Protein backbone atom coordinates (compact mmCIF):
# COMPACT_ATOMS: atom_id res chain seq x y z
CA MET A 1 -0.07 -0.02 0.01
CA ALA A 2 1.69 3.23 -0.89
CA ARG A 3 1.72 5.57 2.14
CA ARG A 4 1.36 9.55 2.75
CA ALA A 5 2.54 9.88 6.28
CA LYS A 6 2.47 13.56 6.09
CA ARG A 7 -0.52 15.28 7.08
CA ILE A 8 -2.74 17.68 4.94
CA GLN A 9 -1.36 21.23 5.70
CA THR A 10 -4.50 23.18 5.36
CA SER A 11 -2.60 26.48 4.32
CA THR A 12 -1.39 25.44 1.06
CA ALA A 13 -4.28 22.95 -0.34
CA PRO A 14 -5.95 24.05 -3.23
CA ARG A 15 -9.16 26.43 -2.55
CA ALA A 16 -12.21 25.46 -3.64
CA ALA A 17 -12.23 27.24 -6.81
CA ASP A 18 -9.00 26.09 -7.99
CA ALA A 19 -10.01 22.50 -7.36
CA PHE A 20 -13.45 22.64 -9.37
CA THR A 21 -12.47 24.66 -11.80
CA LEU A 22 -12.54 22.86 -15.55
CA ALA A 23 -10.71 24.38 -18.66
CA ALA A 24 -12.93 26.53 -21.38
CA ASP A 25 -13.89 24.00 -24.18
CA PRO A 26 -14.78 26.18 -27.37
CA ARG A 27 -17.45 23.40 -28.34
CA PRO A 28 -19.21 21.34 -25.47
CA ARG A 29 -21.91 19.04 -25.78
CA PRO A 30 -25.25 20.85 -25.75
CA ALA A 31 -25.90 21.16 -22.10
CA PHE A 32 -28.83 19.36 -19.63
CA SER A 33 -28.95 20.54 -16.67
CA ILE A 34 -31.60 19.14 -14.05
CA CYS A 35 -31.03 22.32 -11.33
CA PRO A 36 -28.91 25.69 -11.60
CA ALA A 37 -25.20 25.61 -10.87
CA GLU A 38 -25.53 27.26 -7.32
CA GLN A 39 -27.96 23.86 -5.91
CA ARG A 40 -25.19 21.69 -7.51
CA ALA A 41 -22.06 23.42 -5.66
CA PHE A 42 -24.50 23.03 -2.68
CA LEU A 43 -24.69 19.74 -2.94
CA LEU A 44 -21.28 18.87 -2.89
CA ALA A 45 -20.26 21.78 -0.41
CA ARG A 46 -23.23 19.44 1.95
CA ALA A 47 -21.53 15.92 0.47
CA MET A 48 -18.44 17.68 2.05
CA ASP A 49 -19.57 18.59 4.99
CA LEU A 50 -20.99 14.67 5.30
CA LEU A 51 -17.63 13.51 4.98
CA ALA A 52 -16.07 15.89 7.69
CA GLU A 53 -18.78 16.07 10.05
CA HIS A 54 -19.89 12.10 9.68
CA GLY A 55 -17.32 10.66 7.57
CA VAL A 56 -17.35 6.86 6.35
CA ALA A 57 -16.78 3.08 7.63
CA LEU A 58 -13.41 1.62 6.49
CA ILE A 59 -13.69 -1.48 7.73
CA HIS A 60 -9.84 -2.21 6.24
CA ASP A 61 -7.85 -1.81 9.54
CA ALA A 62 -4.44 -1.04 6.88
CA ALA A 63 -6.23 1.37 5.22
CA ARG A 64 -8.14 3.20 8.07
CA ALA A 65 -5.02 3.33 10.03
CA THR A 66 -2.61 5.41 6.73
CA MET A 67 -5.98 7.36 6.08
CA LEU A 68 -5.28 8.69 10.27
CA GLU A 69 -1.49 8.81 8.94
CA ALA A 70 -2.40 11.72 6.25
CA GLY A 71 -4.63 13.75 8.20
CA ALA A 72 -8.30 11.98 8.20
CA ALA A 73 -9.92 12.23 12.09
CA PRO A 74 -11.65 9.33 14.15
CA GLY A 75 -14.99 8.87 13.77
CA ARG A 76 -17.74 8.24 16.35
CA GLU A 77 -16.85 4.95 15.76
CA ALA A 78 -13.74 2.83 15.53
CA ALA A 79 -14.41 1.97 11.91
CA GLN A 80 -14.96 5.34 11.27
CA VAL A 81 -12.60 8.02 9.69
CA ARG A 82 -13.84 12.42 8.77
CA LEU A 83 -12.10 13.36 5.95
CA PRO A 84 -11.47 16.87 6.14
CA ARG A 85 -12.63 19.06 3.58
CA GLU A 86 -9.36 20.29 2.21
CA MET A 87 -8.37 16.62 2.07
CA VAL A 88 -11.34 15.41 -0.27
CA ARG A 89 -10.54 19.11 -2.13
CA GLU A 90 -6.62 18.09 -2.62
CA ALA A 91 -7.51 14.59 -3.95
CA ILE A 92 -10.36 16.13 -6.13
CA ALA A 93 -7.71 18.46 -7.87
CA ALA A 94 -4.81 15.68 -7.69
CA ALA A 95 -7.42 13.01 -9.90
CA PRO A 96 -6.18 12.02 -13.08
CA LYS A 97 -8.75 14.77 -15.37
CA ALA A 98 -8.19 11.91 -18.93
CA VAL A 99 -7.95 7.90 -19.14
CA THR A 100 -7.04 5.92 -21.67
CA LEU A 101 -9.43 2.60 -21.20
CA ALA A 102 -6.82 0.10 -23.42
CA GLY A 103 -7.89 -2.33 -25.68
CA LYS A 104 -6.05 -5.27 -26.98
CA ARG A 105 -4.83 -3.17 -29.55
CA PRO A 106 -4.56 0.96 -30.38
CA ASP A 107 -7.58 0.92 -32.17
CA ARG A 108 -9.47 -0.40 -30.07
CA ASP A 109 -8.36 2.19 -27.30
CA ALA A 110 -11.50 4.63 -25.25
CA HIS A 111 -9.67 8.02 -24.62
CA LEU A 112 -11.85 10.16 -22.02
CA PRO A 113 -12.95 12.83 -22.47
CA ARG A 114 -13.82 12.26 -26.08
CA ALA A 115 -12.36 14.86 -28.35
CA ASP A 116 -15.70 15.01 -29.72
CA HIS A 117 -16.72 15.58 -26.14
CA GLY A 118 -19.55 12.16 -26.62
CA PHE A 119 -19.15 9.31 -24.61
CA ILE A 120 -18.74 5.82 -24.98
CA MET A 121 -20.67 2.51 -23.46
CA ARG A 122 -20.41 -0.27 -21.82
CA THR A 123 -22.50 -3.85 -21.56
CA GLY A 124 -24.65 -4.76 -18.55
CA THR A 125 -22.96 -6.62 -15.41
CA GLY A 126 -24.26 -8.52 -12.93
CA ALA A 127 -27.39 -10.32 -14.51
CA HIS A 128 -27.60 -13.62 -13.66
CA GLY A 129 -30.32 -14.31 -16.61
CA PHE A 130 -29.89 -14.48 -20.24
CA VAL A 131 -33.09 -13.93 -22.89
CA GLU A 132 -31.83 -15.81 -25.75
CA PRO A 133 -32.78 -13.95 -29.37
CA ASP A 134 -36.07 -16.23 -29.90
CA GLY A 135 -37.03 -15.10 -26.78
CA ARG A 136 -36.49 -17.44 -24.18
CA TYR A 137 -35.48 -16.89 -20.49
CA ARG A 138 -32.85 -18.93 -18.77
CA ASN A 139 -30.18 -18.30 -16.04
CA MET A 140 -26.59 -16.80 -17.33
CA ASP A 141 -24.02 -19.63 -18.25
CA ILE A 142 -21.01 -19.24 -18.14
CA SER A 143 -20.65 -20.31 -21.63
CA ASP A 144 -22.53 -17.08 -22.60
CA VAL A 145 -19.29 -15.03 -22.04
CA ALA A 146 -17.98 -15.18 -25.06
CA ARG A 147 -20.94 -14.78 -26.86
CA ILE A 148 -21.11 -11.54 -25.06
CA ALA A 149 -18.11 -10.93 -26.09
CA ALA A 150 -18.30 -12.09 -30.06
CA LEU A 151 -22.03 -9.65 -29.75
CA ALA A 152 -19.64 -6.84 -28.25
CA ASN A 153 -16.77 -7.01 -30.55
CA GLY A 154 -19.21 -5.72 -33.53
CA LEU A 155 -21.01 -2.96 -31.71
CA ASP A 156 -19.55 0.20 -32.54
CA GLN A 157 -20.57 2.35 -29.58
CA VAL A 158 -19.51 -0.26 -27.33
CA GLY A 159 -16.13 0.36 -25.84
CA PHE A 160 -15.41 -2.13 -23.20
CA VAL A 161 -17.20 -5.21 -21.74
CA ALA A 162 -18.70 -6.39 -18.39
CA HIS A 163 -17.79 -10.16 -17.00
CA PRO A 164 -21.71 -11.17 -16.10
CA PHE A 165 -21.96 -13.19 -13.49
CA SER A 166 -22.30 -17.04 -14.70
CA TYR A 167 -23.80 -20.28 -13.20
CA GLY A 168 -22.21 -23.47 -14.32
CA VAL A 169 -18.70 -22.74 -12.21
CA HIS A 170 -18.91 -22.43 -8.51
CA GLU A 171 -20.69 -19.53 -7.42
CA LEU A 172 -17.67 -18.26 -5.16
CA THR A 173 -15.12 -17.97 -8.35
CA SER A 174 -17.80 -16.88 -11.12
CA ASP A 175 -16.04 -13.93 -11.46
CA ILE A 176 -12.44 -15.05 -11.87
CA HIS A 177 -13.81 -17.90 -14.72
CA GLY A 178 -16.12 -15.02 -16.27
CA VAL A 179 -12.96 -12.87 -16.54
CA ALA A 180 -10.71 -15.38 -18.10
CA GLU A 181 -13.46 -16.23 -20.76
CA LEU A 182 -13.80 -12.71 -21.35
CA VAL A 183 -10.16 -11.63 -21.80
CA CYS A 184 -9.79 -14.71 -24.01
CA ALA A 185 -12.61 -13.88 -26.49
CA THR A 186 -13.14 -9.59 -27.15
CA ASP A 187 -9.61 -7.23 -27.87
CA LYS A 188 -11.74 -4.90 -26.48
CA HIS A 189 -11.13 -3.08 -22.62
CA ILE A 190 -12.67 -5.39 -20.34
CA TRP A 191 -14.07 -4.29 -16.44
CA LEU A 192 -13.47 -6.61 -13.08
CA GLN A 193 -15.33 -7.09 -10.74
CA PRO A 194 -14.54 -8.94 -7.61
CA TYR A 195 -17.21 -10.92 -6.22
CA ASN A 196 -14.83 -12.03 -2.94
CA VAL A 197 -11.81 -10.34 -1.13
CA GLU A 198 -9.17 -13.50 -2.24
CA ASN A 199 -10.00 -12.97 -5.77
CA VAL A 200 -9.17 -9.76 -6.35
CA GLU A 201 -5.50 -11.18 -6.51
CA TYR A 202 -6.65 -13.81 -9.27
CA LEU A 203 -8.35 -11.19 -11.15
CA VAL A 204 -5.50 -8.68 -11.51
CA ARG A 205 -3.03 -11.59 -12.71
CA ILE A 206 -5.17 -12.93 -15.34
CA VAL A 207 -4.95 -9.73 -17.26
CA THR A 208 -1.27 -9.10 -16.47
CA VAL A 209 -0.92 -12.57 -18.32
CA ALA A 210 -3.52 -11.39 -20.79
CA ALA A 211 -1.67 -7.87 -21.31
CA GLY A 212 1.85 -10.01 -21.45
CA GLY A 213 3.26 -8.78 -18.39
CA GLU A 214 3.50 -5.96 -15.14
CA ALA A 215 5.07 -3.53 -17.19
CA GLU A 216 2.88 -4.40 -20.18
CA LEU A 217 -0.44 -4.11 -18.09
CA ARG A 218 0.80 -0.32 -17.08
CA ALA A 219 1.69 1.01 -20.15
CA ARG A 220 -2.00 -0.20 -21.54
CA PRO A 221 -4.29 -0.96 -18.82
CA ILE A 222 -6.36 -3.62 -21.08
CA ALA A 223 -9.10 -3.86 -17.65
CA SER A 224 -10.33 -1.63 -15.29
CA THR A 225 -11.69 -2.33 -11.77
CA ILE A 226 -15.34 -1.44 -10.13
CA MET A 227 -14.85 -0.34 -6.27
CA CYS A 228 -18.60 0.23 -4.68
CA SER A 229 -19.26 1.59 -1.53
CA PHE A 230 -21.54 -0.21 0.93
CA SER A 231 -24.16 1.94 1.14
CA PRO A 232 -24.46 4.17 3.03
CA LEU A 233 -20.96 5.33 3.61
CA GLU A 234 -19.08 2.26 4.17
CA PHE A 235 -16.20 0.76 2.44
CA LYS A 236 -16.19 -3.28 2.74
CA VAL A 237 -12.34 -4.66 3.05
CA MET A 238 -12.89 -6.22 -0.59
CA ASP A 239 -13.66 -2.48 -2.14
CA VAL A 240 -10.39 -1.42 -0.28
CA GLU A 241 -8.14 -4.09 -1.61
CA ALA A 242 -9.86 -3.54 -5.07
CA LEU A 243 -8.54 -0.04 -4.90
CA ILE A 244 -5.18 -0.95 -3.24
CA GLN A 245 -4.67 -4.10 -5.74
CA SER A 246 -5.53 -2.04 -8.82
CA GLY A 247 -3.59 0.73 -7.82
CA ARG A 248 -0.49 -1.44 -8.49
CA ALA A 249 -0.69 -2.64 -11.25
CA GLY A 250 -2.45 0.59 -12.91
CA LEU A 251 -5.71 -0.17 -13.28
CA PRO A 252 -8.08 2.69 -13.58
CA VAL A 253 -10.64 2.53 -10.90
CA HIS A 254 -14.48 3.22 -11.73
CA ALA A 255 -15.60 4.50 -8.40
CA CYS A 256 -18.88 3.36 -7.75
CA SER A 257 -21.96 4.19 -5.27
CA LEU A 258 -25.16 2.23 -5.74
CA PRO A 259 -27.78 3.68 -3.24
CA SER A 260 -31.33 3.41 -2.94
CA ALA A 261 -33.56 6.35 -2.21
CA GLY A 262 -35.92 5.26 0.29
CA GLY A 263 -33.44 2.67 1.65
CA THR A 264 -29.57 3.40 1.72
CA ALA A 265 -30.30 7.09 0.96
CA PRO A 266 -32.56 9.74 1.81
CA LEU A 267 -36.12 9.17 -0.39
CA SER A 268 -35.54 12.72 -2.79
CA VAL A 269 -33.79 12.97 -5.90
CA ALA A 270 -31.44 15.60 -4.18
CA GLY A 271 -30.61 13.24 -1.13
CA ASN A 272 -29.77 10.18 -3.63
CA ALA A 273 -27.48 12.23 -5.22
CA LEU A 274 -26.35 13.63 -1.82
CA MET A 275 -25.36 9.58 -1.13
CA ALA A 276 -23.66 8.99 -4.07
CA VAL A 277 -21.40 12.40 -4.55
CA ALA A 278 -20.48 11.73 -0.82
CA GLU A 279 -19.38 8.07 -1.38
CA ILE A 280 -17.66 9.01 -4.27
CA LEU A 281 -15.23 11.54 -3.04
CA ALA A 282 -14.61 9.54 -0.33
CA MET A 283 -13.06 7.08 -2.70
CA VAL A 284 -11.25 9.80 -4.80
CA THR A 285 -9.74 10.72 -1.70
CA LEU A 286 -9.19 7.09 -0.67
CA ALA A 287 -7.34 6.38 -3.95
CA HIS A 288 -5.55 9.88 -3.35
CA VAL A 289 -3.86 8.85 -0.23
CA LEU A 290 -3.43 5.38 -1.02
CA THR A 291 -2.69 4.57 -4.25
CA PRO A 292 -1.79 8.53 -5.45
CA GLY A 293 -1.99 8.40 -9.22
CA THR A 294 -4.83 6.11 -10.09
CA ALA A 295 -7.02 7.23 -12.41
CA VAL A 296 -10.64 7.23 -10.40
CA ILE A 297 -13.75 7.24 -12.61
CA ALA A 298 -16.68 8.88 -10.75
CA THR A 299 -19.76 6.14 -10.97
CA PRO A 300 -22.93 6.90 -9.72
CA LEU A 301 -25.92 3.78 -10.04
CA MET A 302 -28.53 4.84 -7.95
CA PHE A 303 -31.90 3.89 -7.49
CA THR A 304 -35.00 4.44 -6.21
CA LEU A 305 -37.31 2.08 -4.36
CA ASP A 306 -40.77 1.78 -4.77
CA MET A 307 -42.47 2.92 -1.81
CA ALA A 308 -45.78 0.55 -2.59
CA THR A 309 -43.81 -2.51 -3.33
CA GLY A 310 -40.00 -2.27 -2.06
CA GLN A 311 -38.90 -2.88 -5.79
CA ALA A 312 -35.61 -1.48 -6.78
CA LEU A 313 -35.83 1.19 -10.01
CA HIS A 314 -33.48 2.39 -11.86
CA ALA A 315 -35.42 3.73 -15.05
CA CYS A 316 -38.31 5.72 -13.38
CA PRO A 317 -38.25 9.47 -13.28
CA GLU A 318 -36.81 10.25 -9.80
CA SER A 319 -33.55 7.16 -10.78
CA LEU A 320 -33.40 9.39 -14.09
CA GLN A 321 -33.45 13.13 -12.44
CA ALA A 322 -30.63 11.58 -9.21
CA LYS A 323 -28.19 10.31 -12.04
CA ALA A 324 -28.14 13.67 -13.88
CA LEU A 325 -28.23 15.36 -10.46
CA ALA A 326 -24.82 13.33 -9.10
CA ILE A 327 -23.43 13.58 -13.25
CA GLY A 328 -23.77 17.44 -12.72
CA VAL A 329 -22.06 18.10 -10.04
CA LEU A 330 -19.15 15.33 -10.29
CA LYS A 331 -18.75 16.20 -13.70
CA HIS A 332 -19.05 20.20 -13.72
CA GLU A 333 -18.58 20.56 -10.17
CA ALA A 334 -15.87 18.45 -9.52
CA GLY A 335 -14.38 17.77 -12.80
CA LEU A 336 -14.24 13.76 -12.97
CA ILE A 337 -14.78 11.56 -15.64
CA CYS A 338 -18.34 10.02 -15.08
CA HIS A 339 -20.24 6.94 -15.59
CA THR A 340 -23.41 6.33 -15.04
CA TYR A 341 -26.62 3.67 -16.38
CA GLY A 342 -27.22 5.09 -19.83
CA ALA A 343 -29.39 1.81 -21.02
CA GLY A 344 -31.62 -0.02 -19.32
CA SER A 345 -35.56 -0.71 -18.05
CA ASP A 346 -37.61 -1.88 -15.05
CA THR A 347 -39.19 -4.19 -17.36
CA PRO A 348 -38.10 -7.62 -18.28
CA ASP A 349 -39.12 -7.30 -21.80
CA ALA A 350 -37.08 -5.61 -24.86
CA GLY A 351 -40.21 -3.96 -25.93
CA ARG A 352 -41.55 -0.75 -26.05
CA GLN A 353 -41.36 0.26 -22.20
CA SER A 354 -38.04 -0.86 -22.22
CA MET A 355 -37.03 1.42 -25.25
CA ALA A 356 -38.84 4.15 -24.50
CA GLU A 357 -36.95 3.90 -20.72
CA ARG A 358 -33.61 4.17 -22.19
CA ALA A 359 -34.45 6.51 -24.55
CA MET A 360 -35.28 9.05 -21.72
CA LEU A 361 -32.53 7.92 -19.65
CA GLY A 362 -29.56 7.51 -22.12
CA GLN A 363 -30.96 11.21 -23.38
CA MET A 364 -30.47 12.75 -19.76
CA VAL A 365 -27.50 10.99 -18.24
CA ALA A 366 -25.59 11.83 -21.80
CA LEU A 367 -26.96 15.48 -21.51
CA ALA A 368 -25.76 16.13 -18.36
CA GLY A 369 -22.30 15.17 -19.20
CA ALA A 370 -21.72 11.53 -18.67
CA ASP A 371 -18.54 9.97 -20.28
CA ILE A 372 -19.30 6.30 -20.06
CA LEU A 373 -23.14 5.26 -20.79
CA GLY A 374 -23.46 1.78 -18.96
CA GLY A 375 -25.87 -1.02 -19.17
CA VAL A 376 -26.19 -2.19 -22.40
CA GLY A 377 -28.55 -5.26 -22.93
CA GLN A 378 -29.70 -5.12 -19.49
CA LEU A 379 -33.11 -5.43 -18.80
CA GLU A 380 -35.42 -6.33 -15.76
CA THR A 381 -33.35 -3.21 -13.41
CA ALA A 382 -29.97 -4.62 -14.35
CA THR A 383 -30.46 -8.50 -13.39
CA VAL A 384 -31.11 -9.80 -17.05
CA PHE A 385 -29.32 -9.39 -20.74
CA SER A 386 -30.97 -9.15 -23.80
CA PRO A 387 -28.25 -9.52 -27.24
CA VAL A 388 -31.31 -8.06 -29.11
CA GLN A 389 -31.71 -5.34 -27.07
CA ALA A 390 -27.92 -4.63 -26.84
CA VAL A 391 -27.84 -4.44 -30.35
CA LEU A 392 -30.70 -2.31 -30.36
CA ASP A 393 -29.13 0.12 -27.40
CA ASP A 394 -25.84 0.19 -29.95
CA GLU A 395 -27.91 2.02 -32.38
CA LEU A 396 -29.73 4.19 -29.57
CA GLY A 397 -26.10 5.11 -28.42
CA ALA A 398 -25.12 6.32 -32.18
CA TYR A 399 -28.67 8.10 -32.50
CA LEU A 400 -27.47 10.05 -29.08
CA ARG A 401 -23.95 10.75 -29.81
CA ALA A 402 -25.45 12.41 -33.05
CA LEU A 403 -28.31 14.23 -31.28
CA ILE A 404 -26.04 15.62 -28.42
CA ALA A 405 -22.71 16.62 -30.53
CA THR A 406 -22.98 20.73 -31.11
CA PRO A 407 -23.76 22.30 -34.56
CA ARG A 408 -22.12 24.77 -36.25
CA VAL A 409 -23.58 28.19 -35.98
CA ASP A 410 -21.86 30.16 -38.99
CA ASP A 411 -21.66 31.51 -42.39
CA ALA A 412 -20.32 28.62 -43.69
CA ALA A 413 -23.23 26.21 -41.98
CA LEU A 414 -26.32 28.45 -43.31
CA ASN A 415 -24.81 28.14 -46.29
CA TRP A 416 -25.12 32.42 -46.17
CA ASP A 417 -23.69 33.24 -49.72
CA GLU A 418 -26.22 30.98 -51.31
CA ALA A 419 -29.16 31.40 -49.00
CA ARG A 420 -28.85 35.36 -49.57
CA GLU A 421 -29.10 34.68 -53.29
CA ILE A 422 -31.95 31.84 -53.71
CA GLY A 423 -34.12 32.33 -56.14
CA ILE A 424 -38.28 31.69 -55.93
CA GLY A 425 -39.13 28.29 -56.44
CA ALA A 426 -35.33 27.72 -56.21
CA HIS A 427 -33.81 24.62 -54.11
CA PHE A 428 -30.92 23.54 -52.63
CA LEU A 429 -30.25 19.82 -53.75
CA ALA A 430 -28.14 20.48 -56.45
CA SER A 431 -25.76 23.18 -54.14
CA PRO A 432 -22.13 22.52 -53.48
CA HIS A 433 -23.03 22.73 -49.88
CA THR A 434 -25.38 19.66 -49.57
CA LEU A 435 -23.26 17.54 -51.87
CA ALA A 436 -20.43 18.63 -49.04
CA GLY A 437 -22.43 17.36 -46.17
CA CYS A 438 -24.62 14.61 -47.88
CA ARG A 439 -22.76 12.35 -46.20
CA ASP A 440 -22.36 13.84 -42.75
CA GLN A 441 -25.96 12.99 -42.05
CA TYR A 442 -27.00 10.00 -39.21
CA ARG A 443 -27.44 6.82 -40.76
CA PRO A 444 -29.34 4.09 -38.96
CA ALA A 445 -28.29 0.43 -39.13
CA VAL A 446 -30.72 -0.92 -37.09
CA PHE A 447 -33.73 1.60 -36.86
CA ARG A 448 -36.04 1.32 -39.60
CA ARG A 449 -37.04 4.61 -42.30
CA GLN A 450 -38.61 2.63 -45.41
CA GLY A 451 -42.40 3.74 -46.47
CA ARG A 452 -45.47 1.69 -45.77
CA ASP A 453 -45.24 -0.32 -49.21
CA ASP A 454 -41.41 -1.17 -48.90
CA TYR A 455 -42.60 -2.28 -45.00
CA ASP A 456 -45.41 -4.62 -45.81
CA LYS A 457 -43.30 -6.13 -48.93
CA GLY A 458 -40.51 -6.73 -46.40
CA GLY A 459 -42.65 -9.04 -44.19
CA ARG A 460 -43.27 -5.99 -41.52
CA ARG A 461 -40.02 -6.72 -40.41
CA GLY A 462 -38.94 -3.35 -37.79
CA ALA A 463 -36.22 -2.97 -35.87
CA TRP A 464 -36.31 -5.74 -33.30
CA GLU A 465 -36.39 -8.27 -36.26
CA GLU A 466 -33.14 -6.33 -37.33
CA ALA A 467 -31.54 -6.34 -34.51
CA ARG A 468 -32.08 -10.13 -33.55
CA ASP A 469 -30.80 -10.91 -36.85
CA LYS A 470 -27.54 -8.48 -36.27
CA ALA A 471 -27.12 -10.50 -32.49
CA LEU A 472 -27.41 -13.96 -33.96
CA ARG A 473 -24.76 -12.77 -36.66
CA LEU A 474 -22.53 -11.31 -34.75
CA MET A 475 -22.79 -13.92 -32.04
CA ALA A 476 -21.32 -16.25 -34.53
CA ALA A 477 -18.49 -13.89 -35.48
CA PRO A 478 -15.14 -15.59 -35.20
CA PRO A 479 -13.11 -14.34 -32.79
CA PRO A 480 -10.40 -11.08 -33.68
CA PRO A 481 -6.92 -11.00 -33.79
CA GLY A 482 -4.90 -9.82 -30.90
CA LEU A 483 -6.37 -12.12 -28.19
CA PRO A 484 -3.98 -13.67 -25.95
CA ASP A 485 -1.95 -16.87 -27.63
CA ALA A 486 -2.14 -20.90 -26.56
CA ASP A 487 0.84 -19.92 -23.49
CA ALA A 488 -1.09 -17.11 -22.15
CA ARG A 489 -4.69 -19.50 -22.40
CA ALA A 490 -2.77 -22.14 -20.57
CA GLU A 491 -1.03 -20.02 -18.18
CA ILE A 492 -4.96 -18.42 -17.41
CA ALA A 493 -6.44 -21.79 -16.82
CA ARG A 494 -3.39 -22.51 -14.33
CA ILE A 495 -4.85 -19.27 -13.00
CA VAL A 496 -8.18 -20.18 -12.62
CA ALA A 497 -7.53 -23.26 -11.78
CA ALA A 498 -5.11 -22.43 -8.45
CA ALA A 499 -7.98 -20.08 -7.61
CA ASP A 500 -11.15 -22.66 -7.58
CA ALA A 501 -8.62 -24.64 -5.42
CA ASP A 502 -7.83 -22.28 -2.80
CA ILE A 503 -10.98 -19.96 -2.53
CA ILE A 504 -13.45 -23.19 -2.53
CA GLY A 505 -11.44 -25.28 -1.38
CA LYS A 506 -10.63 -22.77 2.16
CA ALA A 507 -14.69 -22.64 1.85
CA GLN A 508 -15.50 -26.42 2.30
CA GLU A 509 -12.99 -26.87 5.32
CA VAL A 510 -14.37 -23.76 7.13
CA SER A 511 -17.81 -25.53 6.42
CA GLY A 512 -16.09 -28.80 7.67
CA ARG A 513 -15.29 -27.24 10.56
CA ARG A 514 -18.68 -25.84 10.90
CA GLU A 515 -20.50 -29.09 10.65
CA VAL A 516 -18.36 -30.73 13.13
CA ILE A 517 -18.83 -28.15 15.65
């Protein structure tokens, strides 16, 4: 663990204005704000107040000791540390403001923020269910990981791929098996999500082998790791270890907060956003102290409890507002790279409701400034993956990127010289301006634009049928170049076997002792 023994010097820490000011952008994307800038600043200040006056529970003895040595204050309970405002401001100012999520080839790299002010997308994670293109539902199997990878390889808007929870292997090492399959099936960047503290080391070892070694992985991090808070305001050993070990390996970390309004956060849009912002700022501060220089991606993934049923929702209006508010604070007030759900639905069906909910969600967070839109292919509040929905999400992502691109407004864009001389009954079809720009329009690949007659002649095939057929083609495609060779695959297989023997073996040993007792 990197140590920072010197205490924070409040007289030299950056002022809030210095820490939170973003460089001017001559052509920013069109922006949407759920509330005025002064209210975003107020929420940011309250998040800092919460960390300074209440603090967070840090269930990791060594990390807690290092934080106290660096200037954090003891909390009201033994496991708590309070984070001074100046410590948090210093961490925000020092956090890298750009990150590369490397693929196995440079042409698969995702550089954030994007030069075109757009976003990238990622596939959904954590799903236990899988919906076949013919509509059959079943449990996610380990063999589905390669199929999801093949699908994602052919989706242009998807910048990186997450491993799902898979049946067919032991649940204690499902993440290790999933990453081993995924890293050998996609040339895109992948996302690590450890399920147990013991698993973190094995996940890092797998991607180290796939990258060609420790130096190669540090130079080109082909994976990034999710670190989650345990809302409200608590961090488990596993997640702190995920931060520390990822930082040592040079992997970017997605600082993920998943509060539920009415459950683990106050029942209001602002209260939900407060919890997410506070927990993410705490993770940024932990990274600054424990693993200086680690790229941290602010990842507010918020839900709202339906008070009538207790169901957690992430595509309801309240959750959409909370995500947009948190992104507004973290992106525009704190200057961090941001990642949130940009696709997903609370319905189990890839149909009309799903498309309406994810279109609203994607538009809201994209305009709020998110750099990564997660959840491609997920249904039923992130518990199900649908390949057909993933193709539709990719299409929707291309639509959204075209939608949020800042249009030029100048004499050249206006075709001013020709417009002011246009005659009666004339047109612009043959204009050099039209010919020069006609190929720049957004052209859908899956969404349909045919007229009624062609629609009827074509058997009334719509976007869903096109997406289904594309999903089937992509999942049957051969693997791309640049994947781990036979020696690397054999070494990865040995790591997986060692993990099973270690982690499952220890669990069975503990279970046996309990039975004896």
